[in-house]
Protein backbone atom coordinates (compact mmCIF):
# COMPACT_ATOMS: atom_id res chain seq x y z
CA MET A 1 -24.27 -6.50 -16.91
CA LEU A 2 -21.00 -6.13 -18.76
CA ALA A 3 -17.99 -4.80 -16.86
CA LEU A 4 -14.80 -3.52 -18.37
CA ASP A 5 -11.76 -1.89 -16.80
CA LEU A 6 -9.81 0.59 -18.90
CA LYS A 7 -6.76 2.55 -17.93
CA ILE A 8 -6.80 5.91 -19.68
CA THR A 9 -3.77 8.16 -19.50
CA THR A 10 -3.78 11.71 -20.81
CA ASP A 11 -2.37 15.15 -20.09
CA LEU A 12 -5.00 17.70 -19.09
CA PRO A 13 -4.86 21.35 -18.05
CA ASN A 14 -4.85 21.78 -14.29
CA THR A 15 -8.31 23.39 -14.53
CA SER A 16 -9.64 19.82 -14.87
CA LEU A 17 -8.92 19.42 -11.14
CA ASP A 18 -11.81 21.82 -10.48
CA ARG A 19 -14.20 18.98 -11.36
CA LEU A 20 -12.88 16.91 -8.47
CA SER A 21 -12.95 19.73 -5.93
CA PRO A 22 -13.32 23.51 -6.29
CA THR A 23 -10.30 24.07 -3.99
CA LEU A 24 -7.94 21.33 -5.23
CA ARG A 25 -6.21 23.24 -8.04
CA ARG A 26 -5.55 26.30 -5.86
CA SER A 27 -4.08 24.06 -3.16
CA LEU A 28 -1.57 22.62 -5.64
CA TYR A 29 -0.85 25.59 -7.95
CA ASP A 30 -0.13 29.31 -7.66
CA ALA A 31 -0.68 32.10 -10.19
CA ASP A 32 2.47 33.48 -11.77
CA GLY A 33 1.68 37.08 -10.79
CA THR A 34 1.74 38.49 -14.33
CA ASN A 35 -1.99 39.31 -14.52
CA ASP A 36 -2.60 37.14 -17.59
CA LEU A 37 -5.18 39.01 -19.72
CA ILE A 38 -6.07 35.97 -21.83
CA ASP A 39 -6.54 33.61 -18.89
CA PRO A 40 -6.86 35.52 -15.60
CA ASP A 41 -7.39 32.21 -13.75
CA ASN A 42 -4.02 30.86 -14.97
CA THR A 43 -2.19 28.94 -12.23
CA PRO A 44 0.99 27.44 -13.73
CA HIS A 45 3.32 27.33 -10.71
CA LEU A 46 3.37 24.10 -8.77
CA ARG A 47 3.46 24.80 -5.03
CA ASN A 48 5.01 21.51 -3.85
CA PRO A 49 6.65 19.46 -6.62
CA GLN A 50 7.81 16.94 -3.99
CA LEU A 51 4.28 15.51 -3.63
CA GLY A 52 4.65 13.02 -6.47
CA THR A 53 1.68 10.84 -7.42
CA LEU A 54 -1.61 11.79 -5.77
CA HIS A 55 -4.60 9.48 -5.40
CA TRP A 56 -8.22 10.66 -5.40
CA SER A 57 -10.85 8.51 -3.70
CA GLY A 58 -14.38 8.20 -4.91
CA SER A 59 -16.24 7.30 -8.04
CA PHE A 60 -17.55 9.75 -10.60
CA PRO A 61 -20.05 9.31 -13.44
CA ALA A 62 -18.49 9.87 -16.84
CA ASP A 63 -19.73 10.36 -20.38
CA LEU A 64 -17.17 8.41 -22.38
CA THR A 65 -17.24 8.11 -26.14
CA PHE A 66 -14.40 6.73 -28.20
CA ARG A 67 -14.13 8.13 -31.69
CA ASP A 68 -12.38 6.42 -34.55
CA SER A 69 -11.04 8.99 -37.00
CA GLY A 70 -11.30 6.51 -39.85
CA HIS A 71 -14.98 5.72 -39.34
CA ASP A 72 -18.22 7.55 -38.65
CA ASP A 73 -19.21 5.25 -35.81
CA ASP A 74 -18.68 6.32 -32.21
CA LEU A 75 -18.43 3.83 -29.38
CA PRO A 76 -20.32 5.24 -26.36
CA PHE A 77 -19.89 3.78 -22.90
CA ILE A 78 -23.23 4.11 -21.11
CA ASP A 79 -23.25 4.45 -17.30
CA ALA A 80 -19.46 4.66 -17.19
CA LYS A 81 -17.73 5.76 -14.01
CA LEU A 82 -14.25 6.92 -13.19
CA ASP A 83 -12.51 5.67 -10.09
CA ARG A 84 -9.01 4.97 -8.81
CA ILE A 85 -7.90 8.36 -10.16
CA THR A 86 -4.20 9.16 -9.85
CA PHE A 87 -2.33 12.21 -11.08
CA VAL A 88 1.07 13.85 -10.85
CA PRO A 89 0.82 17.66 -10.89
CA LYS A 90 3.45 19.19 -13.18
CA ALA A 91 4.91 22.67 -13.29
CA GLY A 92 3.37 24.75 -16.05
CA GLY A 93 -0.19 23.73 -15.23
CA THR A 94 -0.42 20.22 -16.67
CA VAL A 95 -1.91 17.21 -14.91
CA PRO A 96 -1.19 13.82 -16.45
């Protein structure tokens, strides 16, 4: 069995928190009260910016595939899992 640790850093919309827990995003973010017609579930306002870095326990299966824009070959990672997840909620609805 081959093991490999990768640290992946990216900015995601706060809706990605729904995959960890259906109540997590709403506990960290509020709607802006403008009744957004394009995205009625929009929650851009950070409730408690003082929280800083948050850690999420547990391990989650992941379908990871790295794509090289210069080649046609994809590099799939079979049976990958995500763990040691950390994130810093940002105002505006972004989670790095």
